[in-house]
Structures are given as C-alpha cells and as structure tokens.
Amino acid sequence: MAAMGIEARYYDLTHGWHGFLTFYVLIALFSFAGMRRGRASWEQYFYWPFASLATMVVVGISLGVLGWLLSTFAGISVRGFGGDMLAVVWIMAGGFIGGLYWAARDRPHAAAAGRGAMVFDGPGRHPEDPRPGT
C-alpha cells in the first residue's frame, strides 16, 4: 500500500464521508463546549448528538451564504487553504453558539427587572390592598 502525501490526506479529510464526519465532530465538540458554558441540564445532553446534526445543517447553510457574500460583494476568493481555515473558524464558532442556544432552550425565561416592575412593601402585600391608617 502506497503512503499518501500530505495533500492527498488533506483532501481525503475534507471531502466525502471523511469530510462529513470531520464537520460533524467539529460541530459536536464545540456544541458540547457551548452546552457546558450555557449550563445545560443533564437531560439536554441526551439530545446533544441530534442537536449537533441540526446545528450542522444551520452552520453549513450559513457557511455557504458567507462564501457567496464574500465572493460576490467583497470580491474575496474563499478557495484554498485560507478559505478552509475561515470555514473551520466559522464551524467552531457556529458549534459553540449552537450549544449555547440548545442549553438556553429548556430554561425558563428570567424575570426582567426594570421599568414597570412592581415593588411590594412587605411580605404578602398586594398593590391593591389599602394601607393601614389611610
């Protein structure tokens, strides 16, 4: 069996099924990191492989749109090693942001403090209750 050169190995790793698996592993690892950072519940980790597939589809589509926008409007060629490095950074960021999204999805909305918030005078007071002595 002949040894593969570095260019052949690089092509093999970034195309076909090996490229698909590389893409999935990058998304899944950084999605896991995002879920950890977002403090996901244990139940969410069960769905992590499937959430990574959904994140992979979104990141793949956005990567295609990014390449089209860069080549059409900025005139930047996204081919070759530089384009692949841009894609890897985009994939890592997309996986991490996707993990943060999936972690926050199961969490209830936090109470918004700010204008219009009701403040009670004491324990068990309701704003419509008359104050004693008024």
Foldseek 3Di string as FASTA:
>chain_A
DDDDDPVVVVCVCCDDPNVVVVLLVLLLVLLVVLLVVLVADPVLVVCSSVLSVVLSVVLVVVLVVVQCCCCPPVVDHLDDDNVVVVSSVSSSVSSNVSSNVSRCPVDDDDDDDDPPDDDDPDPPDDPVDDDPPD
